[in-house]
């Protein structure tokens, strides 16, 4: 999927995975830049803790309430510093 399609979307359903493999889905605001999606969250959030263990995620556009508007796709997250 071409991530530039996400430019028209406002919310992203981000699924991260707990240590036991169970999924945790959270609607988030995001930005798209040159084919990459960026999400901002607190460095000590549970999302970040899960991503430190497992960078595999699933993403899909969603409504404000988190209802997906398309099928999810597998992706790999990278953690960036606030700087």
Protein backbone atom coordinates (compact mmCIF):
# COMPACT_ATOMS: atom_id res chain seq x y z
CA UNK A 1 0.00 0.00 0.00
CA UNK A 2 1.18 3.50 -0.82
CA UNK A 3 1.30 5.38 2.49
CA UNK A 4 0.77 8.67 0.70
CA UNK A 5 -2.91 7.55 0.58
CA UNK A 6 -2.98 8.28 4.31
CA UNK A 7 -2.60 12.04 3.63
CA UNK A 8 -6.40 12.27 3.36
CA UNK A 9 -6.96 10.57 6.72
CA UNK A 10 -7.10 12.13 10.20
CA UNK A 11 -6.79 9.12 12.50
CA UNK A 12 -4.80 5.93 12.48
CA UNK A 13 -5.57 2.73 14.33
CA UNK A 14 -2.22 1.58 15.71
CA UNK A 15 -2.00 -1.99 16.96
CA UNK A 16 0.96 -2.93 19.15
CA UNK A 17 1.56 -6.26 20.85
CA UNK A 18 2.03 -7.18 24.50
CA UNK A 19 4.77 -9.57 25.62
CA UNK A 20 2.21 -12.41 25.57
CA UNK A 21 1.38 -11.59 21.92
CA UNK A 22 -2.07 -10.11 22.56
CA UNK A 23 -2.94 -7.05 20.48
CA UNK A 24 -3.63 -3.56 21.83
CA UNK A 25 -5.28 -1.17 19.38
CA UNK A 26 -5.29 2.59 19.92
CA UNK A 27 -6.63 5.38 17.67
CA UNK A 28 -3.99 8.10 17.27
CA UNK A 29 -3.41 11.30 15.35
CA UNK A 30 -0.58 11.02 12.87
CA UNK A 31 1.31 12.82 10.15
CA UNK A 32 2.55 11.47 6.82
CA UNK A 33 5.79 12.72 5.32
CA UNK A 34 7.49 11.30 2.23
CA UNK A 35 5.89 7.87 2.63
CA UNK A 36 6.48 7.54 6.39
CA UNK A 37 3.86 7.87 9.13
CA UNK A 38 4.67 9.64 12.40
CA UNK A 39 2.85 9.39 15.74
CA UNK A 40 3.72 11.47 18.79
CA UNK A 41 3.22 10.04 22.28
CA UNK A 42 4.75 10.28 25.75
CA UNK A 43 8.04 8.41 26.04
CA UNK A 44 6.78 6.45 29.05
CA UNK A 45 3.45 5.43 27.48
CA UNK A 46 2.45 1.80 27.28
CA UNK A 47 2.64 2.01 23.47
CA UNK A 48 6.31 2.92 23.70
CA UNK A 49 7.00 0.15 26.22
CA UNK A 50 5.38 -2.41 23.92
CA UNK A 51 7.33 -1.07 20.92
CA UNK A 52 10.58 -1.38 22.82
CA UNK A 53 9.91 -5.12 23.07
CA UNK A 54 8.35 -5.67 19.66
CA UNK A 55 8.46 -3.19 16.75
CA UNK A 56 5.87 -5.13 14.72
CA UNK A 57 2.61 -3.17 14.39
CA UNK A 58 -0.56 -3.15 12.34
CA UNK A 59 -1.99 0.11 11.03
CA UNK A 60 -5.19 1.17 9.35
CA UNK A 61 -7.07 4.44 8.90
CA UNK A 62 -9.92 4.76 11.40
CA UNK A 63 -12.61 7.04 12.76
CA UNK A 64 -12.13 9.19 15.86
CA UNK A 65 -13.63 6.36 17.93
CA UNK A 66 -11.15 3.85 16.47
CA UNK A 67 -13.46 2.05 14.04
CA UNK A 68 -11.25 0.89 11.12
CA UNK A 69 -12.15 2.21 7.66
CA UNK A 70 -9.89 -0.22 5.76
CA UNK A 71 -8.19 -3.55 6.30
CA UNK A 72 -5.06 -3.36 8.49
CA UNK A 73 -1.57 -3.72 7.08
CA UNK A 74 1.53 -5.01 8.84
CA UNK A 75 4.32 -2.50 9.43
CA UNK A 76 7.45 -1.98 11.49
CA UNK A 77 7.72 0.92 13.92
CA UNK A 78 10.83 2.90 14.76
CA UNK A 79 11.21 4.91 17.95
CA UNK A 80 12.57 8.43 17.53
CA UNK A 81 13.75 10.76 20.26
CA UNK A 82 11.92 13.99 21.01
CA UNK A 83 14.94 15.89 19.69
